[in-house]
Amino acid sequence: MHAIVFGAGNIGRSFIGQLFAAGGYRVTFVDVNEALVTELNRRGRYCVEVKGPQPAEIWVEGVSAVDGRDRAAVVEALVQADIAATAVGGGALPHVYPALAEGLQRRLAEGRPPLDILILENLRHAAEAFATGLREHLPADFPLEVSVGLIETSVGKMVPIMPDAVKAQDPLVVYAEVYNTLPVDATAFKNPIPAIPGLDPKQHMAAYVDRKSFIHNLGHAACAYTAYLLDPALTYLWEAVEQPRIRRAARTAMWESACALIRRYPTEFDEANQGAHIEDLLDRFANRALGDTIFRVGRDLPRKLSREDRLVGALIMDAEEGVPAPATSLSLAAGFFFRAADEHGAVFPADAQFARDLEAGGLGWAFTQVCGLREDAALDAGIRAEVTRRHEDLGSRPEDWLDRLLRGEL
């Protein structure tokens, strides 16, 4: 059995590549990083270092790689594959579609079975976006619906940025937490669902995609943005979560989303399973051994403050479900102040540009151009007004307003 993974980065290697290998698949990565491709082919294996209370090493054996710029080689690998996955980041997907489209046409011409593709990207409505991207490179009459299964997933595994010193010593090693479960859309497979350890098929996948965005991702953002506002000298996520005030603020925001999710998906979620999920996440955020940074968790403001993402998306859901969300509003307001830097003292380029644009255009620019919140829509206008108030509060007395939130006064 042969699996193709687009993206040999941290999620590709530590998570889906590892799961495929554990399921008995021979794994071929597709990547444009020449050094990674060379080393994967030279060694045929790599190590996942599990960080946490019970550290371990997982050796992923029998792997190979193809340079993503070698279109013919990528297409040939796709023709022979039994299953595929993407873990390249939503912004890089347009570079994947042309080779995928050609591979799908070859498979159809040669009588190959449908290809199931697991989409491991931080995207809502990922299957719809993926299909749209593929159709741009396919003939109008190509039978996409029967030729490919576009499998939405919910990636909850946390993988930190690898330190430069570690990458210099071994470019293939990757750190990860012990968590190894991947919810997948059970209804989207064209072939029988494979018996891969860690795959967790769900009948109502939208609920789990939203839970990932609006509890897990939101909790990350709430921790990072609150921590930076209160103490810019903090470096690690665990430092933030160990501060009771920050942990409580994040938990409060996560529970706002949980209440809305319970109303929206009552057959999937209740107070008991959402409470357990939130406490498990907070404990995982506090994993010192993982070495996850506030910079990594909070960076890329144009994406993380956008309409479909963790904070604005949660506020829209909360408003639609009638759930008050002062903690989430405060977290979004805190995000406008986020300027964390990496280990070299450099701010993420998109965040530096965001800061310049915000200074020039003000909150109105950010709400419209980044958050996608319109002035002429009643629901959007309500969110804009609430977050504007919280932004003014945090700009003067952030600790006072956070304490008022925790006392239930907001």
Protein backbone atom coordinates (compact mmCIF):
# COMPACT_ATOMS: atom_id res chain seq x y z
CA MET A 1 0.00 0.00 0.00
CA HIS A 2 1.28 3.42 -0.97
CA ALA A 3 0.42 6.84 0.52
CA ILE A 4 1.34 10.25 -0.89
CA VAL A 5 1.72 13.18 1.51
CA PHE A 6 1.98 16.70 0.11
CA GLY A 7 4.08 18.58 2.63
CA ALA A 8 7.03 17.12 4.54
CA GLY A 9 6.81 19.76 7.25
CA ASN A 10 6.06 19.27 10.92
CA ILE A 11 2.44 18.09 10.57
CA GLY A 12 3.25 16.02 7.48
CA ARG A 13 6.05 14.13 9.18
CA SER A 14 4.97 14.04 12.82
CA PHE A 15 1.31 13.28 12.24
CA ILE A 16 -0.15 12.01 8.97
CA GLY A 17 3.08 10.47 7.65
CA GLN A 18 3.51 8.69 10.94
CA LEU A 19 -0.14 7.48 10.98
CA PHE A 20 0.07 6.18 7.41
CA ALA A 21 3.26 4.29 8.22
CA ALA A 22 1.68 2.79 11.35
CA GLY A 23 -1.19 1.64 9.14
CA GLY A 24 1.19 -0.31 6.91
CA TYR A 25 1.58 2.22 4.09
CA ARG A 26 4.76 3.05 2.24
CA VAL A 27 4.90 6.84 2.45
CA THR A 28 6.15 9.22 -0.24
CA PHE A 29 6.37 12.90 0.67
CA VAL A 30 6.06 15.67 -1.91
CA ASP A 31 7.91 18.85 -0.95
CA VAL A 32 9.88 21.70 -2.53
CA ASN A 33 12.49 21.78 0.25
CA GLU A 34 15.40 20.18 -1.57
CA ALA A 35 17.35 19.39 1.61
CA LEU A 36 14.36 17.55 3.14
CA VAL A 37 13.73 15.61 -0.06
CA THR A 38 17.38 14.59 -0.31
CA GLU A 39 17.61 13.47 3.31
CA LEU A 40 14.34 11.54 3.26
CA ASN A 41 15.51 9.63 0.19
CA ARG A 42 18.99 9.07 1.59
CA ARG A 43 17.87 7.74 4.96
CA GLY A 44 14.42 6.30 4.25
CA ARG A 45 13.39 7.00 7.83
CA TYR A 46 13.02 9.78 10.38
CA CYS A 47 12.34 10.23 14.09
CA VAL A 48 9.35 11.77 15.84
CA GLU A 49 10.34 12.77 19.38
CA VAL A 50 7.29 12.68 21.64
CA LYS A 51 7.54 15.41 24.28
CA GLY A 52 5.68 15.20 27.58
CA PRO A 53 5.49 13.29 30.86
CA GLN A 54 6.34 10.04 29.05
CA PRO A 55 8.82 10.96 26.30
CA ALA A 56 9.37 8.51 23.48
CA GLU A 57 10.89 8.13 20.04
CA ILE A 58 8.83 6.95 17.08
CA TRP A 59 10.85 5.88 14.04
CA VAL A 60 8.93 6.18 10.80
CA GLU A 61 10.46 3.69 8.36
CA GLY A 62 10.30 3.04 4.65
CA VAL A 63 9.70 6.61 3.49
CA SER A 64 10.78 8.42 0.33
CA ALA A 65 10.27 11.86 -1.19
CA VAL A 66 9.66 13.58 -4.52
CA ASP A 67 10.58 17.16 -5.36
CA GLY A 68 7.30 19.02 -5.83
CA ARG A 69 8.78 20.87 -8.79
CA ASP A 70 9.24 17.60 -10.68
CA ARG A 71 5.71 17.51 -12.09
CA ALA A 72 6.14 14.21 -13.95
CA ALA A 73 7.42 12.41 -10.84
CA VAL A 74 4.62 13.81 -8.68
CA VAL A 75 1.97 12.76 -11.19
CA GLU A 76 3.45 9.26 -11.50
CA ALA A 77 3.41 8.88 -7.71
CA LEU A 78 -0.22 9.99 -7.63
CA VAL A 79 -1.20 7.46 -10.30
CA GLN A 80 0.25 4.64 -8.20
CA ALA A 81 -1.04 5.87 -4.81
CA ASP A 82 -3.72 4.15 -2.74
CA ILE A 83 -4.42 7.23 -0.61
CA ALA A 84 -3.16 10.81 -0.32
CA ALA A 85 -3.02 13.72 2.10
CA THR A 86 -2.13 17.39 2.05
CA ALA A 87 -0.39 19.22 4.90
CA VAL A 88 1.05 22.25 3.14
CA GLY A 89 -0.94 25.13 4.63
CA GLY A 90 -4.01 26.63 3.01
CA GLY A 91 -2.01 29.31 1.22
CA ALA A 92 0.12 26.72 -0.59
CA LEU A 93 -2.75 24.57 -1.85
CA PRO A 94 -2.95 26.40 -5.22
CA HIS A 95 0.54 25.06 -5.95
CA VAL A 96 -0.69 21.50 -5.33
CA TYR A 97 -3.82 21.55 -7.50
CA PRO A 98 -2.19 21.39 -10.98
CA ALA A 99 -0.26 18.16 -10.34
CA LEU A 100 -3.21 16.65 -8.49
CA ALA A 101 -5.52 17.44 -11.38
CA GLU A 102 -3.15 15.85 -13.87
CA GLY A 103 -2.74 12.81 -11.66
CA LEU A 104 -6.50 12.39 -11.34
CA GLN A 105 -6.91 12.55 -15.11
CA ARG A 106 -4.22 9.90 -15.57
CA ARG A 107 -5.86 7.68 -12.96
CA LEU A 108 -9.20 7.94 -14.75
CA ALA A 109 -7.65 7.18 -18.14
CA GLU A 110 -5.82 4.14 -16.75
CA GLY A 111 -8.85 2.77 -14.91
CA ARG A 112 -7.48 3.36 -11.42
CA PRO A 113 -9.91 3.53 -8.47
CA PRO A 114 -10.97 6.84 -6.89
CA LEU A 115 -8.34 8.59 -4.79
CA ASP A 116 -9.19 9.60 -1.22
CA ILE A 117 -7.33 12.75 -0.12
CA LEU A 118 -7.16 13.69 3.57
CA ILE A 119 -7.05 17.50 3.88
CA LEU A 120 -4.93 18.38 6.92
CA GLU A 121 -5.23 22.16 6.63
CA ASN A 122 -6.51 24.75 9.08
CA LEU A 123 -9.50 25.56 6.90
CA ARG A 124 -13.23 25.57 7.41
CA HIS A 125 -15.20 24.22 4.44
CA ALA A 126 -11.94 22.70 3.23
CA ALA A 127 -13.50 20.15 0.88
CA GLU A 128 -15.50 22.82 -0.91
CA ALA A 129 -12.44 25.05 -1.33
CA PHE A 130 -10.35 22.08 -2.47
CA ALA A 131 -12.90 21.06 -5.10
CA THR A 132 -13.07 24.60 -6.43
CA GLY A 133 -9.29 24.74 -6.73
CA LEU A 134 -9.09 21.39 -8.51
CA ARG A 135 -11.85 22.25 -11.01
CA GLU A 136 -9.80 25.19 -12.26
CA HIS A 137 -7.28 22.66 -13.63
CA LEU A 138 -9.67 20.00 -14.89
CA PRO A 139 -11.83 19.70 -18.01
CA ALA A 140 -15.38 20.90 -17.49
CA ASP A 141 -16.74 17.37 -17.95
CA PHE A 142 -14.29 15.66 -15.55
CA PRO A 143 -16.25 13.47 -13.08
CA LEU A 144 -14.64 14.90 -9.94
CA GLU A 145 -17.37 13.70 -7.58
CA VAL A 146 -16.72 10.04 -8.37
CA SER A 147 -12.96 10.29 -8.93
CA VAL A 148 -11.80 11.75 -5.63
CA GLY A 149 -12.85 11.71 -2.00
CA LEU A 150 -12.09 15.06 -0.37
CA ILE A 151 -11.81 14.19 3.32
CA GLU A 152 -12.04 17.03 5.79
CA THR A 153 -10.10 16.48 9.01
CA SER A 154 -9.63 18.22 12.34
CA VAL A 155 -5.94 18.49 13.20
CA GLY A 156 -5.60 18.78 16.97
CA LYS A 157 -2.00 17.61 17.29
CA MET A 158 0.35 20.32 18.52
CA VAL A 159 3.76 20.54 16.88
CA PRO A 160 6.05 23.44 17.85
CA ILE A 161 8.54 25.29 15.68
CA MET A 162 11.74 23.27 15.63
CA PRO A 163 14.72 25.16 17.15
CA ASP A 164 17.32 26.16 14.57
CA ALA A 165 20.05 24.33 16.48
CA VAL A 166 18.08 21.07 16.36
CA LYS A 167 17.30 21.45 12.65
CA ALA A 168 20.97 22.09 11.94
CA GLN A 169 21.89 18.88 13.72
CA ASP A 170 19.14 16.78 12.10
CA PRO A 171 16.73 18.33 9.57
CA LEU A 172 14.38 15.33 9.74
CA VAL A 173 13.71 15.04 13.47
CA VAL A 174 10.43 16.58 14.59
CA TYR A 175 8.94 17.19 18.04
CA ALA A 176 5.31 16.47 18.86
CA GLU A 177 2.96 15.78 21.74
CA VAL A 178 1.64 12.30 22.46
CA TYR A 179 -1.87 13.16 21.20
CA ASN A 180 -2.35 11.21 17.97
CA THR A 181 -6.05 11.27 17.05
CA LEU A 182 -7.32 12.58 13.70
CA PRO A 183 -11.10 13.03 13.30
CA VAL A 184 -12.02 12.51 9.63
CA ASP A 185 -15.23 12.88 7.64
CA ALA A 186 -16.57 9.34 7.42
CA THR A 187 -19.10 10.31 4.75
CA ALA A 188 -16.57 11.60 2.19
CA PHE A 189 -14.49 8.46 1.50
CA LYS A 190 -14.93 6.91 -1.94
CA ASN A 191 -13.11 3.73 -0.85
CA PRO A 192 -13.59 1.79 2.39
CA ILE A 193 -12.27 3.76 5.36
CA PRO A 194 -8.74 2.44 5.93
CA ALA A 195 -7.80 0.76 9.21
CA ILE A 196 -5.20 3.35 10.20
CA PRO A 197 -4.43 3.78 13.93
CA GLY A 198 -5.54 7.21 15.11
CA LEU A 199 -8.15 7.84 12.42
CA ASP A 200 -11.45 8.75 14.11
CA PRO A 201 -14.29 8.74 11.54
CA LYS A 202 -17.13 11.16 12.24
CA GLN A 203 -20.59 11.31 10.66
CA HIS A 204 -21.04 15.03 11.40
CA MET A 205 -17.61 16.42 10.58
CA ALA A 206 -18.60 20.10 10.57
CA ALA A 207 -19.09 19.92 14.33
CA TYR A 208 -15.50 18.79 14.89
CA VAL A 209 -14.01 21.28 12.44
CA ASP A 210 -15.83 24.05 14.29
CA ARG A 211 -14.77 22.67 17.67
CA LYS A 212 -11.14 22.71 16.55
CA SER A 213 -11.39 26.29 15.29
CA PHE A 214 -13.49 27.76 18.07
CA ILE A 215 -12.22 25.92 21.15
CA HIS A 216 -8.70 24.64 20.43
CA ASN A 217 -7.50 27.41 18.11
CA LEU A 218 -9.43 30.04 20.02
CA GLY A 219 -7.90 28.86 23.31
CA HIS A 220 -4.43 29.11 21.79
CA ALA A 221 -5.11 32.66 20.60
CA ALA A 222 -6.65 33.75 23.91
CA CYS A 223 -3.59 32.51 25.80
CA ALA A 224 -1.09 34.07 23.41
CA TYR A 225 -2.71 37.47 22.99
CA THR A 226 -3.59 37.89 26.67
CA ALA A 227 -0.12 36.78 27.74
CA TYR A 228 1.64 39.18 25.41
CA LEU A 229 -0.55 42.08 26.54
CA LEU A 230 0.07 41.41 30.23
CA ASP A 231 3.77 40.48 29.98
CA PRO A 232 5.56 40.77 26.61
CA ALA A 233 8.64 39.16 28.16
CA LEU A 234 6.94 35.76 28.35
CA THR A 235 8.28 33.30 25.76
CA TYR A 236 6.54 29.95 26.12
CA LEU A 237 2.91 28.96 26.03
CA TRP A 238 3.30 26.94 29.21
CA GLU A 239 4.44 30.10 31.02
CA ALA A 240 1.19 31.76 30.03
CA VAL A 241 -1.05 28.84 30.96
CA GLU A 242 0.62 28.48 34.35
CA GLN A 243 -0.52 32.00 35.26
CA PRO A 244 -3.97 31.54 36.84
CA ARG A 245 -5.35 34.80 35.43
CA ILE A 246 -4.44 33.89 31.83
CA ARG A 247 -5.60 30.29 32.17
CA ARG A 248 -8.97 31.40 33.55
CA ALA A 249 -9.42 33.99 30.81
CA ALA A 250 -8.69 31.39 28.13
CA ARG A 251 -11.00 28.86 29.77
CA THR A 252 -13.79 31.46 29.89
CA ALA A 253 -13.43 32.21 26.16
CA MET A 254 -13.33 28.50 25.34
CA TRP A 255 -16.51 27.92 27.34
CA GLU A 256 -18.27 30.70 25.43
CA SER A 257 -17.60 28.75 22.24
CA ALA A 258 -18.52 25.48 23.91
CA CYS A 259 -21.93 26.83 24.88
CA ALA A 260 -22.56 27.96 21.31
CA LEU A 261 -21.37 24.63 19.90
CA ILE A 262 -23.67 22.70 22.24
CA ARG A 263 -26.60 24.74 20.92
CA ARG A 264 -25.54 24.29 17.30
CA TYR A 265 -24.64 20.59 17.47
CA PRO A 266 -26.71 19.10 20.32
CA THR A 267 -26.34 15.53 19.04
CA GLU A 268 -22.54 15.75 19.23
CA PHE A 269 -21.72 17.94 22.22
CA ASP A 270 -22.86 18.48 25.79
CA GLU A 271 -21.45 20.17 28.89
CA ALA A 272 -19.68 17.03 30.06
CA ASN A 273 -17.75 16.23 26.87
CA GLN A 274 -16.98 19.89 26.18
CA GLY A 275 -15.75 20.47 29.71
CA ALA A 276 -13.47 17.45 29.49
CA HIS A 277 -12.19 18.65 26.11
CA ILE A 278 -11.39 22.13 27.41
CA GLU A 279 -9.53 20.88 30.48
CA ASP A 280 -7.56 18.39 28.37
CA LEU A 281 -6.54 21.17 25.98
CA LEU A 282 -5.43 23.48 28.78
CA ASP A 283 -3.33 20.68 30.25
CA ARG A 284 -1.79 20.05 26.83
CA PHE A 285 -1.11 23.76 26.35
CA ALA A 286 0.84 23.60 29.62
CA ASN A 287 3.20 20.87 28.35
CA ARG A 288 6.63 22.35 29.12
CA ALA A 289 8.49 19.67 27.22
CA LEU A 290 6.79 20.64 23.97
CA GLY A 291 8.50 24.03 24.07
CA ASP A 292 5.69 25.75 22.15
CA THR A 293 6.09 29.53 22.01
CA ILE A 294 3.68 32.43 22.34
CA PHE A 295 5.15 33.74 19.09
CA ARG A 296 4.22 30.60 17.13
CA VAL A 297 0.77 30.32 18.64
CA GLY A 298 -0.15 33.95 18.01
CA ARG A 299 1.68 34.85 14.80
CA ASP A 300 0.04 35.53 11.40
CA LEU A 301 -2.58 38.02 12.53
CA PRO A 302 -4.12 38.59 9.06
CA ARG A 303 -5.12 34.92 9.03
CA LYS A 304 -5.92 34.40 12.68
CA LEU A 305 -8.05 37.54 12.96
CA SER A 306 -9.95 36.84 9.72
CA ARG A 307 -13.69 36.23 9.52
CA GLU A 308 -13.63 32.44 9.22
CA ASP A 309 -10.91 31.89 11.81
CA ARG A 310 -10.72 31.29 15.53
CA LEU A 311 -11.81 34.60 17.08
CA VAL A 312 -14.06 36.43 14.66
CA GLY A 313 -15.62 33.15 13.52
CA ALA A 314 -16.32 32.25 17.14
CA LEU A 315 -17.87 35.66 17.84
CA ILE A 316 -20.16 35.27 14.83
CA MET A 317 -21.21 31.80 15.98
CA ASP A 318 -21.76 33.07 19.53
CA ALA A 319 -23.94 35.92 18.27
CA GLU A 320 -25.94 33.60 16.01
CA GLU A 321 -26.54 31.20 18.90
CA GLY A 322 -27.35 33.93 21.42
CA VAL A 323 -24.30 33.35 23.63
CA PRO A 324 -22.70 36.43 25.26
CA ALA A 325 -18.96 36.41 24.58
CA PRO A 326 -17.08 39.07 26.58
CA ALA A 327 -13.95 36.91 26.96
CA THR A 328 -13.73 36.21 23.23
CA SER A 329 -14.26 39.90 22.46
CA LEU A 330 -11.49 40.77 24.89
CA SER A 331 -9.20 38.18 23.25
CA LEU A 332 -9.82 39.61 19.79
CA ALA A 333 -9.13 43.11 21.08
CA ALA A 334 -5.89 41.86 22.65
CA GLY A 335 -4.90 40.40 19.29
CA PHE A 336 -4.66 43.90 17.82
CA PHE A 337 -1.82 44.62 20.28
CA PHE A 338 0.15 41.42 19.53
CA ARG A 339 3.74 42.07 18.38
CA ALA A 340 5.62 39.01 19.67
CA ALA A 341 8.99 38.21 18.10
CA ASP A 342 10.80 34.95 17.38
CA GLU A 343 14.02 33.71 18.98
CA HIS A 344 16.00 36.11 16.78
CA GLY A 345 13.92 39.13 17.79
CA ALA A 346 12.07 39.29 14.47
CA VAL A 347 8.33 39.93 14.24
CA PHE A 348 6.49 37.69 11.75
CA PRO A 349 6.49 39.67 8.45
CA ALA A 350 2.71 39.60 8.02
CA ASP A 351 2.30 40.87 11.59
CA ALA A 352 4.75 43.71 11.04
CA GLN A 353 2.75 44.77 7.98
CA PHE A 354 -0.49 44.39 9.94
CA ALA A 355 0.87 46.75 12.61
CA ARG A 356 1.80 49.37 10.01
CA ASP A 357 -1.59 49.14 8.32
CA LEU A 358 -3.42 49.26 11.66
CA GLU A 359 -1.57 52.41 12.66
CA ALA A 360 -2.47 54.03 9.35
CA GLY A 361 -6.07 52.85 9.04
CA GLY A 362 -7.19 52.31 12.63
CA LEU A 363 -9.66 49.74 13.92
CA GLY A 364 -12.09 50.49 11.10
CA TRP A 365 -9.51 49.28 8.59
CA ALA A 366 -8.80 46.14 10.64
CA PHE A 367 -12.48 45.27 11.09
CA THR A 368 -13.25 45.66 7.39
CA GLN A 369 -10.08 44.50 5.66
CA VAL A 370 -8.84 41.79 8.05
CA CYS A 371 -11.78 40.66 10.17
CA GLY A 372 -14.33 40.91 7.35
CA LEU A 373 -16.84 42.61 9.64
CA ARG A 374 -19.14 44.97 7.74
CA GLU A 375 -20.57 48.18 9.16
CA ASP A 376 -23.90 47.71 7.39
CA ALA A 377 -24.69 44.24 8.78
CA ALA A 378 -26.39 44.29 12.18
CA LEU A 379 -24.62 41.22 13.60
CA ASP A 380 -21.21 42.43 12.38
CA ALA A 381 -21.82 45.95 13.66
CA GLY A 382 -22.59 44.61 17.12
CA ILE A 383 -19.31 42.70 17.22
CA ARG A 384 -17.39 45.73 15.97
CA ALA A 385 -18.88 47.92 18.68
CA GLU A 386 -18.17 45.43 21.47
CA VAL A 387 -14.57 44.79 20.39
CA THR A 388 -13.96 48.53 19.99
CA ARG A 389 -14.97 49.04 23.62
CA ARG A 390 -12.69 46.22 24.74
CA HIS A 391 -9.80 47.60 22.68
CA GLU A 392 -10.17 50.97 24.38
CA ASP A 393 -10.30 49.24 27.77
CA LEU A 394 -7.17 47.20 27.14
CA GLY A 395 -5.28 50.17 25.78
CA SER A 396 -5.49 51.88 29.16
CA ARG A 397 -5.85 49.33 31.97
CA PRO A 398 -5.53 45.75 30.61
CA GLU A 399 -5.10 44.08 34.00
CA ASP A 400 -8.12 45.86 35.48
CA TRP A 401 -10.38 44.82 32.63
CA LEU A 402 -9.14 41.25 32.68
CA ASP A 403 -9.89 41.07 36.38
CA ARG A 404 -13.38 42.47 35.75
CA LEU A 405 -13.92 39.74 33.18
CA LEU A 406 -12.89 37.05 35.65
CA ARG A 407 -15.23 38.51 38.29
CA GLY A 408 -18.11 38.26 35.79
CA GLU A 409 -18.55 42.02 35.55
CA LEU A 410 -18.38 42.29 31.74
